[in-house]
Amino acid sequence: MSLFQKCHAVILGGFPAWTSNRDEIVFRMLLGLYALSPALFAFVEMSPTVLALVGALMGALALLTKRARFGRGTTGLAIALALLSGFVLSSALWSVDVSRSLMAARDVFGYSIAAVMLFQGILALASAQRERLARVSLAGMLIGVVSVMGWELYFAFLTEDPRFVENVFTLHKITVYGVFFAVIFLAQPRLVWKGLAALFAVLTLLYGQSTGVNLAIVFVAVMFVMPAKYRQHVLVGFFAVYLSLALIAPFVVAPLFAYLKTTSWLVFYPGTFAARLDLWQMISPHIAEQPILGHGANTMRNAAGVVVSPTYYAQADLPSAHNIVFDLWYELGALGIIVYGVLLAAIIRMIGGLSGPSHFIASCYLMIAVVELSVDHRIWLSWVLGTLVFAAGICIVQCRSVTRSEMKDRITRHAAAFSS
C-alpha cells in the first residue's frame, strides 16, 4: 500500500470523502484538531487556552452522536475534579484578593469540564477510530516538533539578540509542548522516531533556554534507559523525594540560601538557580503568616511586597513563585500541599496499573508536568491548564494505541512460535 493510500485510509476510514454519517463527521473534526493543534501550539503559543476547550466540545459531540454514557473511571475523575474546584473556590472565603481566587476557581472548573468531556469522548471511540486518531496525532506532533526545533534554531542564529526577553518567553512555552510530543516518539517501535526525539532533546538542551524543560529531558532520558520492570519504582521514588521536599521546603530554603551565599555555587548559576532560591527565601516568612489555609488561590501574582532587598532576583514584579510548591504553600497553605500530594499519589497509583510503552508515556508526562510547574510556570495560567488537558488527551490516545500494537506483536510472536 502506497503512502497516499495509507493516508487516505486513515483520514477517510473507508467512508467516501463526502459522507452523511454524523459519527464520522464529528470524528473527522477531531482528527483535524489533533492534526493541526501541535503546529498551532508552536506558532500560536497561547493556543492551548482555546484548543483544549474546542477538543472538549468535539468530545461532547462524539458522546452525543454515539449516545455513550460516562464510564465509572470518568465519573470518578469528574467527582475528584469537582472537589478540587470546590476547594479552590472555597479559598475565596479567606483570600486577600477575592476576585483573583474566583477567577482561579472558574478556570479550574472550566478546564475540569473540558478534561472530562475530551477524555470520555476519546474513550467512547471505537478501537479502529482510536487507531486512526493516534496515527493522525502522531503526524501532527511530527510537524509540531519540527516547528519547535525550527524556532529554536531561528532564535539562536537568526535574531540580533537570542536572549531577548520575548524570545525566551516564547521558547519557554513552545519547548514545553515539544517535550510532551517527543515522549510519544520515544515510545514508537521504529528507530527513526527515537532519533527525532533525540535530535529535539539535543537542540533544546543547547538552545531552548528553559531550565524546567532541560530538567524534564534529563528525567525522561533516565526513564527511557531504565528497564521497564524498574520504572514504576523509579517513579514512586522520585515523587517520594519530591513530596518530602515539598513538605519541608519553606522551612529549609532560608538557611540553605544563607549557606550557599557563603560559597561560590550561587554565583556560578545566578540566572535561575540563585534567583529562584532568593525568591523562595523571601516568600517563606509570608507563608508563616497563613500556614494552614494560605492567602487564597492565585494571590501570589499580586504579592510583589514579598520582594524586599533581593540579591539575585532581578524582576520588577512577581509573576509567580516559579515553583508550584511555594505557590501552593503561600496561596493554599499546608492543606493545599496535602491535596496536591493526594492528587499526585492517585495519579501514580493509576499509572502503576499500566505496563510497557503506555507506562513510559504516562509516567513521563506526569514528570514533565511536575518538573515544569516546579521551575517555570504557575498552575493558574489558562494556557498551562489547556496544555495539561490536551497533553492528557494525547496520552490517552497514544497509550491505548501502543497497548494495542504491543498486544498484536505478542500475538504474532506466539503464533510464529506455535507454527514453528
Protein backbone atom coordinates (compact mmCIF):
# COMPACT_ATOMS: atom_id res chain seq x y z
CA MET A 1 0.00 0.00 0.00
CA SER A 2 1.43 3.40 -1.00
CA LEU A 3 1.81 6.30 1.43
CA PHE A 4 -1.07 8.12 -0.26
CA GLN A 5 -3.33 5.08 0.11
CA LYS A 6 -2.38 4.75 3.79
CA CYS A 7 -3.16 8.42 4.42
CA HIS A 8 -6.43 8.07 2.53
CA ALA A 9 -7.40 5.05 4.65
CA VAL A 10 -6.54 6.75 7.93
CA ILE A 11 -8.29 10.03 7.14
CA LEU A 12 -11.42 8.66 5.48
CA GLY A 13 -11.65 5.31 7.27
CA GLY A 14 -13.38 3.55 4.37
CA PHE A 15 -16.07 6.22 4.08
CA PRO A 16 -16.44 8.42 0.99
CA ALA A 17 -14.95 11.91 1.13
CA TRP A 18 -18.46 13.36 1.48
CA THR A 19 -20.49 11.39 3.97
CA SER A 20 -23.74 11.94 5.85
CA ASN A 21 -22.65 9.72 8.75
CA ARG A 22 -22.76 12.08 11.73
CA ASP A 23 -20.43 9.94 13.80
CA GLU A 24 -17.79 10.01 11.05
CA ILE A 25 -18.23 13.77 10.51
CA VAL A 26 -17.65 14.51 14.20
CA PHE A 27 -14.70 12.13 14.27
CA ARG A 28 -13.08 13.82 11.26
CA MET A 29 -13.38 17.13 13.10
CA LEU A 30 -11.48 15.52 15.98
CA LEU A 31 -8.89 14.20 13.51
CA GLY A 32 -8.43 17.71 12.15
CA LEU A 33 -7.99 19.11 15.64
CA TYR A 34 -5.28 16.59 16.57
CA ALA A 35 -3.55 17.05 13.22
CA LEU A 36 -3.39 20.86 13.40
CA SER A 37 -3.03 21.52 17.13
CA PRO A 38 0.69 20.66 17.54
CA ALA A 39 1.63 23.12 14.80
CA LEU A 40 -0.67 25.75 16.30
CA PHE A 41 0.99 25.18 19.66
CA ALA A 42 4.35 26.03 18.08
CA PHE A 43 3.23 29.09 16.13
CA VAL A 44 0.49 30.48 18.40
CA GLU A 45 1.94 29.99 21.85
CA MET A 46 -1.31 30.69 23.74
CA SER A 47 -3.37 28.36 21.53
CA PRO A 48 -3.83 25.62 24.20
CA THR A 49 -6.11 28.05 26.03
CA VAL A 50 -8.71 27.65 23.28
CA LEU A 51 -7.82 24.30 21.70
CA ALA A 52 -8.47 22.34 24.88
CA LEU A 53 -11.98 23.81 25.01
CA VAL A 54 -12.52 23.06 21.30
CA GLY A 55 -11.42 19.47 21.96
CA ALA A 56 -13.91 19.25 24.81
CA LEU A 57 -16.70 20.45 22.53
CA MET A 58 -15.80 17.77 19.97
CA GLY A 59 -15.66 15.17 22.72
CA ALA A 60 -19.16 16.18 23.81
CA LEU A 61 -20.39 15.93 20.21
CA ALA A 62 -18.84 12.47 19.92
CA LEU A 63 -20.69 11.39 23.07
CA LEU A 64 -23.97 12.71 21.67
CA THR A 65 -23.61 11.01 18.30
CA LYS A 66 -22.66 7.71 19.92
CA ARG A 67 -25.19 8.14 22.75
CA ALA A 68 -22.46 6.96 25.09
CA ARG A 69 -22.61 7.16 28.86
CA PHE A 70 -19.86 8.16 31.23
CA GLY A 71 -17.76 5.26 32.44
CA ARG A 72 -17.02 4.61 36.09
CA GLY A 73 -13.45 5.87 35.70
CA THR A 74 -14.54 9.12 34.09
CA THR A 75 -17.25 9.58 36.71
CA GLY A 76 -14.63 9.18 39.44
CA LEU A 77 -12.43 11.73 37.68
CA ALA A 78 -15.34 14.15 37.41
CA ILE A 79 -16.05 13.85 41.14
CA ALA A 80 -12.38 14.38 42.01
CA LEU A 81 -12.12 17.45 39.77
CA ALA A 82 -15.37 18.84 41.18
CA LEU A 83 -13.99 18.51 44.72
CA LEU A 84 -10.75 20.16 43.61
CA SER A 85 -12.68 23.04 42.02
CA GLY A 86 -14.74 23.39 45.18
CA PHE A 87 -11.57 23.56 47.29
CA VAL A 88 -10.11 26.30 45.09
CA LEU A 89 -13.43 28.17 45.20
CA SER A 90 -13.60 27.92 49.00
CA SER A 91 -10.24 29.71 49.26
CA ALA A 92 -12.08 32.89 48.20
CA LEU A 93 -13.62 32.92 51.69
CA TRP A 94 -10.27 33.84 53.26
CA SER A 95 -8.48 35.24 50.22
CA VAL A 96 -6.63 38.56 50.32
CA ASP A 97 -7.82 39.07 46.71
CA VAL A 98 -11.24 37.51 46.27
CA SER A 99 -11.56 38.34 42.57
CA ARG A 100 -8.33 36.54 41.65
CA SER A 101 -9.33 33.47 43.67
CA LEU A 102 -12.73 33.37 41.98
CA MET A 103 -11.02 33.62 38.58
CA ALA A 104 -8.78 30.68 39.50
CA ALA A 105 -11.80 28.61 40.60
CA ARG A 106 -13.61 29.47 37.36
CA ASP A 107 -10.66 28.35 35.22
CA VAL A 108 -10.09 25.15 37.18
CA PHE A 109 -13.78 24.26 36.96
CA GLY A 110 -14.00 25.12 33.26
CA TYR A 111 -10.94 23.11 32.27
CA SER A 112 -12.08 20.26 34.52
CA ILE A 113 -15.29 20.03 32.48
CA ALA A 114 -13.19 20.22 29.32
CA ALA A 115 -10.99 17.37 30.53
CA VAL A 116 -13.91 15.11 31.38
CA MET A 117 -15.64 15.73 28.05
CA LEU A 118 -12.48 15.26 25.99
CA PHE A 119 -11.35 12.12 27.82
CA GLN A 120 -14.75 10.42 27.71
CA GLY A 121 -15.15 11.40 24.05
CA ILE A 122 -11.85 9.65 23.28
CA LEU A 123 -12.71 6.60 25.36
CA ALA A 124 -16.08 6.28 23.60
CA LEU A 125 -14.40 5.93 20.19
CA ALA A 126 -14.29 2.54 18.51
CA SER A 127 -10.89 0.86 18.52
CA ALA A 128 -10.43 1.48 14.78
CA GLN A 129 -11.21 5.18 15.28
CA ARG A 130 -8.74 5.46 18.16
CA GLU A 131 -6.07 3.89 15.95
CA ARG A 132 -6.78 6.41 13.19
CA LEU A 133 -6.69 9.24 15.73
CA ALA A 134 -3.35 8.01 17.11
CA ARG A 135 -1.78 7.96 13.65
CA VAL A 136 -3.07 11.40 12.72
CA SER A 137 -1.95 12.89 16.05
CA LEU A 138 1.49 11.33 15.56
CA ALA A 139 1.76 13.10 12.21
CA GLY A 140 0.61 16.34 13.82
CA MET A 141 3.21 16.00 16.58
CA LEU A 142 5.89 15.44 13.94
CA ILE A 143 5.01 18.82 12.44
CA GLY A 144 4.92 20.36 15.91
CA VAL A 145 8.35 19.07 16.98
CA VAL A 146 9.98 20.10 13.71
CA SER A 147 8.41 23.56 14.11
CA VAL A 148 9.73 23.89 17.67
CA MET A 149 13.24 22.91 16.54
CA GLY A 150 12.97 25.48 13.75
CA TRP A 151 12.09 28.20 16.27
CA GLU A 152 15.00 27.19 18.49
CA LEU A 153 17.46 27.48 15.61
CA TYR A 154 15.88 30.74 14.44
CA PHE A 155 16.18 32.39 17.85
CA ALA A 156 19.72 31.02 18.28
CA PHE A 157 21.19 32.15 14.96
CA LEU A 158 18.86 34.47 13.04
CA THR A 159 17.95 37.14 15.59
CA GLU A 160 20.09 40.04 16.75
CA ASP A 161 19.81 39.14 20.41
CA PRO A 162 18.98 35.46 21.14
CA ARG A 163 18.43 36.32 24.83
CA PHE A 164 15.78 38.95 24.04
CA VAL A 165 13.15 38.51 26.72
CA GLU A 166 10.23 37.94 24.32
CA ASN A 167 12.20 35.17 22.59
CA VAL A 168 12.85 33.49 25.93
CA PHE A 169 9.18 33.68 26.95
CA THR A 170 8.16 32.13 23.62
CA LEU A 171 10.73 29.34 23.90
CA HIS A 172 9.70 28.61 27.49
CA LYS A 173 6.19 27.84 26.24
CA ILE A 174 6.77 26.03 22.96
CA THR A 175 9.58 23.80 24.22
CA VAL A 176 7.18 22.51 26.88
CA TYR A 177 4.85 21.42 24.09
CA GLY A 178 7.77 19.87 22.19
CA VAL A 179 8.96 17.71 25.07
CA PHE A 180 5.45 16.27 25.51
CA PHE A 181 5.37 15.38 21.81
CA ALA A 182 8.89 13.92 21.82
CA VAL A 183 7.96 11.39 24.52
CA ILE A 184 5.46 9.84 22.11
CA PHE A 185 8.26 9.44 19.54
CA LEU A 186 10.37 7.54 22.08
CA ALA A 187 7.52 5.06 22.57
CA GLN A 188 7.33 4.24 18.85
CA PRO A 189 8.97 0.97 17.70
CA ARG A 190 10.90 2.46 14.77
CA LEU A 191 14.34 3.93 15.41
CA VAL A 192 13.68 6.95 13.18
CA TRP A 193 11.14 8.28 15.71
CA LYS A 194 13.57 7.78 18.58
CA GLY A 195 16.27 9.54 16.57
CA LEU A 196 14.00 12.53 16.01
CA ALA A 197 13.25 12.69 19.74
CA ALA A 198 16.99 12.60 20.47
CA LEU A 199 17.61 15.43 17.97
CA PHE A 200 14.92 17.52 19.63
CA ALA A 201 16.48 16.85 23.05
CA VAL A 202 19.95 17.91 21.92
CA LEU A 203 18.74 21.11 20.22
CA THR A 204 16.57 22.03 23.19
CA LEU A 205 19.36 21.46 25.70
CA LEU A 206 21.62 23.69 23.60
CA TYR A 207 19.22 26.43 22.51
CA GLY A 208 15.91 26.03 24.36
CA GLN A 209 16.80 28.41 27.24
CA SER A 210 14.38 26.69 29.66
CA THR A 211 15.73 25.13 32.84
CA GLY A 212 12.46 23.33 33.53
CA VAL A 213 12.39 21.69 30.10
CA ASN A 214 16.07 20.79 30.35
CA LEU A 215 15.47 19.02 33.66
CA ALA A 216 12.41 17.28 32.21
CA ILE A 217 14.50 16.00 29.28
CA VAL A 218 17.04 14.55 31.71
CA PHE A 219 14.34 12.74 33.70
CA VAL A 220 12.71 11.40 30.53
CA ALA A 221 16.11 10.12 29.37
CA VAL A 222 16.56 8.31 32.68
CA MET A 223 13.14 6.68 32.35
CA PHE A 224 13.89 5.70 28.75
CA VAL A 225 17.12 3.83 29.55
CA MET A 226 15.65 2.30 32.70
CA PRO A 227 14.48 -1.34 32.32
CA ALA A 228 10.68 -1.45 32.18
CA LYS A 229 10.34 -3.51 35.37
CA TYR A 230 12.03 -0.77 37.42
CA ARG A 231 10.23 2.27 36.00
CA GLN A 232 7.38 2.27 38.50
CA HIS A 233 9.87 2.03 41.36
CA VAL A 234 11.79 4.99 39.94
CA LEU A 235 8.55 6.96 39.55
CA VAL A 236 7.48 6.26 43.13
CA GLY A 237 10.96 7.06 44.45
CA PHE A 238 11.13 10.32 42.52
CA PHE A 239 7.81 11.56 43.88
CA ALA A 240 8.53 10.31 47.40
CA VAL A 241 11.61 12.56 47.44
CA TYR A 242 9.74 15.38 45.70
CA LEU A 243 6.80 15.39 48.14
CA SER A 244 9.12 15.08 51.15
CA LEU A 245 11.00 18.17 49.98
CA ALA A 246 7.68 19.93 49.29
CA LEU A 247 6.63 19.47 52.91
CA ILE A 248 9.81 20.99 54.38
CA ALA A 249 10.68 23.48 51.61
CA PRO A 250 9.53 26.73 53.33
CA PHE A 251 11.41 25.82 56.49
CA VAL A 252 14.79 24.95 54.93
CA VAL A 253 15.12 27.33 51.99
CA ALA A 254 16.25 30.36 54.04
CA PRO A 255 19.13 28.59 55.85
CA LEU A 256 20.06 26.84 52.60
CA PHE A 257 20.23 30.17 50.76
CA ALA A 258 22.27 31.72 53.57
CA TYR A 259 24.73 28.83 53.48
CA LEU A 260 25.09 28.84 49.69
CA LYS A 261 25.76 32.59 49.72
CA THR A 262 28.99 31.80 51.57
CA THR A 263 30.06 29.52 48.72
CA SER A 264 30.54 30.17 45.01
CA TRP A 265 27.60 28.00 43.86
CA LEU A 266 25.09 30.84 43.55
CA VAL A 267 27.50 32.99 41.55
CA PHE A 268 28.12 30.04 39.24
CA TYR A 269 24.43 29.89 38.16
CA PRO A 270 22.79 33.23 39.12
CA GLY A 271 20.20 33.33 36.32
CA THR A 272 17.86 30.57 37.50
CA PHE A 273 19.17 28.64 40.49
CA ALA A 274 20.27 31.58 42.63
CA ALA A 275 17.33 33.81 41.60
CA ARG A 276 14.80 31.09 42.44
CA LEU A 277 16.34 30.41 45.85
CA ASP A 278 16.46 34.14 46.55
CA LEU A 279 12.77 34.48 45.70
CA TRP A 280 11.74 31.44 47.72
CA GLN A 281 13.57 32.55 50.86
CA MET A 282 11.79 35.92 50.60
CA ILE A 283 8.40 34.17 50.26
CA SER A 284 8.92 31.78 53.20
CA PRO A 285 8.29 34.29 56.03
CA HIS A 286 4.94 35.22 54.43
CA ILE A 287 3.92 31.55 54.30
CA ALA A 288 4.25 31.52 58.10
CA GLU A 289 1.56 34.24 58.31
CA GLN A 290 -1.14 31.85 56.98
CA PRO A 291 0.42 28.37 57.22
CA ILE A 292 -2.76 26.27 57.21
CA LEU A 293 -5.08 27.80 54.59
CA GLY A 294 -2.79 30.28 52.83
CA HIS A 295 -3.69 33.68 51.37
CA GLY A 296 -6.14 32.41 48.73
CA ALA A 297 -5.77 30.86 45.28
CA ASN A 298 -3.96 32.89 42.61
CA THR A 299 -2.88 35.65 45.02
CA MET A 300 0.88 35.27 44.56
CA ARG A 301 0.62 37.36 41.38
CA ASN A 302 -0.21 40.46 43.45
CA ALA A 303 2.21 39.74 46.31
CA ALA A 304 5.01 41.94 44.99
CA GLY A 305 5.53 43.20 48.55
CA VAL A 306 7.32 39.98 49.45
CA VAL A 307 10.29 41.03 47.29
CA VAL A 308 12.48 43.01 49.69
CA SER A 309 16.16 43.72 49.04
CA PRO A 310 16.70 40.84 46.61
CA THR A 311 20.23 39.63 45.98
CA TYR A 312 19.79 37.71 42.73
CA TYR A 313 16.09 38.04 41.85
CA ALA A 314 16.02 40.82 39.25
CA GLN A 315 12.39 41.02 38.03
CA ALA A 316 10.43 44.17 38.78
CA ASP A 317 7.19 42.29 39.53
CA LEU A 318 6.24 38.87 40.87
CA PRO A 319 4.54 36.75 38.18
CA SER A 320 4.70 33.70 40.45
CA ALA A 321 6.97 31.84 42.83
CA HIS A 322 8.28 29.93 39.80
CA ASN A 323 7.51 26.80 41.80
CA ILE A 324 4.15 25.15 42.35
CA VAL A 325 5.16 24.06 45.85
CA PHE A 326 5.82 27.62 47.06
CA ASP A 327 2.79 28.90 45.15
CA LEU A 328 0.59 26.37 46.93
CA TRP A 329 2.19 26.96 50.33
CA TYR A 330 1.60 30.71 50.00
CA GLU A 331 -1.86 30.54 48.42
CA LEU A 332 -3.50 27.41 49.89
CA GLY A 333 -1.24 26.57 52.83
CA ALA A 334 -0.49 23.15 54.23
CA LEU A 335 -3.96 21.97 53.21
CA GLY A 336 -3.14 22.79 49.57
CA ILE A 337 0.11 20.82 49.76
CA ILE A 338 -1.77 17.83 51.21
CA VAL A 339 -4.35 17.99 48.39
CA TYR A 340 -1.53 18.24 45.85
CA GLY A 341 0.20 15.20 47.36
CA VAL A 342 -3.00 13.14 47.38
CA LEU A 343 -3.66 14.05 43.74
CA LEU A 344 -0.14 13.00 42.69
CA ALA A 345 -0.41 9.77 44.68
CA ALA A 346 -3.69 8.88 42.97
CA ILE A 347 -2.19 9.51 39.52
CA ILE A 348 0.93 7.47 40.35
CA ARG A 349 -1.23 4.59 41.54
CA MET A 350 -3.22 4.70 38.30
CA ILE A 351 -0.01 4.72 36.23
CA GLY A 352 1.17 1.68 38.19
CA GLY A 353 -1.62 -0.31 36.54
CA LEU A 354 -0.10 0.30 33.11
CA SER A 355 2.80 -1.54 31.51
CA GLY A 356 5.30 -1.26 28.68
CA PRO A 357 5.18 1.82 26.42
CA SER A 358 1.90 3.06 27.91
CA HIS A 359 3.50 3.20 31.38
CA PHE A 360 6.50 5.01 29.93
CA ILE A 361 4.32 7.65 28.24
CA ALA A 362 2.09 8.28 31.25
CA SER A 363 4.94 8.40 33.79
CA CYS A 364 7.00 10.75 31.62
CA TYR A 365 4.02 13.05 31.05
CA LEU A 366 3.48 13.31 34.80
CA MET A 367 7.16 14.01 35.46
CA ILE A 368 7.33 16.64 32.72
CA ALA A 369 4.28 18.47 34.07
CA VAL A 370 5.50 18.45 37.68
CA VAL A 371 9.08 19.44 36.84
CA GLU A 372 7.94 22.29 34.60
CA LEU A 373 5.49 23.59 37.22
CA SER A 374 8.23 23.35 39.84
CA VAL A 375 10.66 25.56 37.93
CA ASP A 376 8.91 27.89 35.48
CA HIS A 377 5.14 28.34 35.16
CA ARG A 378 2.25 28.62 37.60
CA ILE A 379 -0.76 26.32 37.55
CA TRP A 380 -3.41 29.07 37.31
CA LEU A 381 -2.41 30.22 33.81
CA SER A 382 -5.12 29.33 31.30
CA TRP A 383 -2.60 28.14 28.69
CA VAL A 384 -1.00 25.86 31.29
CA LEU A 385 -4.37 24.33 32.19
CA GLY A 386 -5.19 23.95 28.49
CA THR A 387 -1.82 22.31 27.82
CA LEU A 388 -2.31 19.82 30.66
CA VAL A 389 -5.79 18.88 29.40
CA PHE A 390 -4.68 18.48 25.80
CA ALA A 391 -1.49 16.61 26.75
CA ALA A 392 -3.52 14.20 28.88
CA GLY A 393 -5.80 13.63 25.88
CA ILE A 394 -2.79 12.80 23.70
CA CYS A 395 -1.54 10.48 26.44
CA ILE A 396 -4.85 8.57 26.49
CA VAL A 397 -4.91 8.22 22.69
CA GLN A 398 -1.31 7.10 22.37
CA CYS A 399 -1.32 4.80 25.43
CA ARG A 400 -4.27 2.88 24.04
CA SER A 401 -2.63 2.76 20.61
CA VAL A 402 0.73 1.42 21.81
CA THR A 403 -1.02 -1.07 24.09
CA ARG A 404 -2.98 -2.43 21.16
CA SER A 405 0.17 -2.58 19.00
CA GLU A 406 2.02 -4.38 21.79
CA MET A 407 -0.79 -6.96 22.05
CA LYS A 408 -0.67 -7.51 18.28
CA ASP A 409 3.09 -8.05 18.43
CA ARG A 410 2.71 -10.60 21.23
CA ILE A 411 0.02 -12.48 19.33
CA THR A 412 2.19 -12.52 16.21
CA ARG A 413 5.20 -13.81 18.14
CA HIS A 414 3.15 -16.51 19.87
CA ALA A 415 1.59 -17.58 16.57
CA ALA A 416 5.02 -17.76 14.93
CA ALA A 417 6.40 -19.77 17.83
CA PHE A 418 3.44 -22.13 17.74
CA SER A 419 3.67 -22.68 13.96
CA SER A 420 7.37 -23.43 14.20
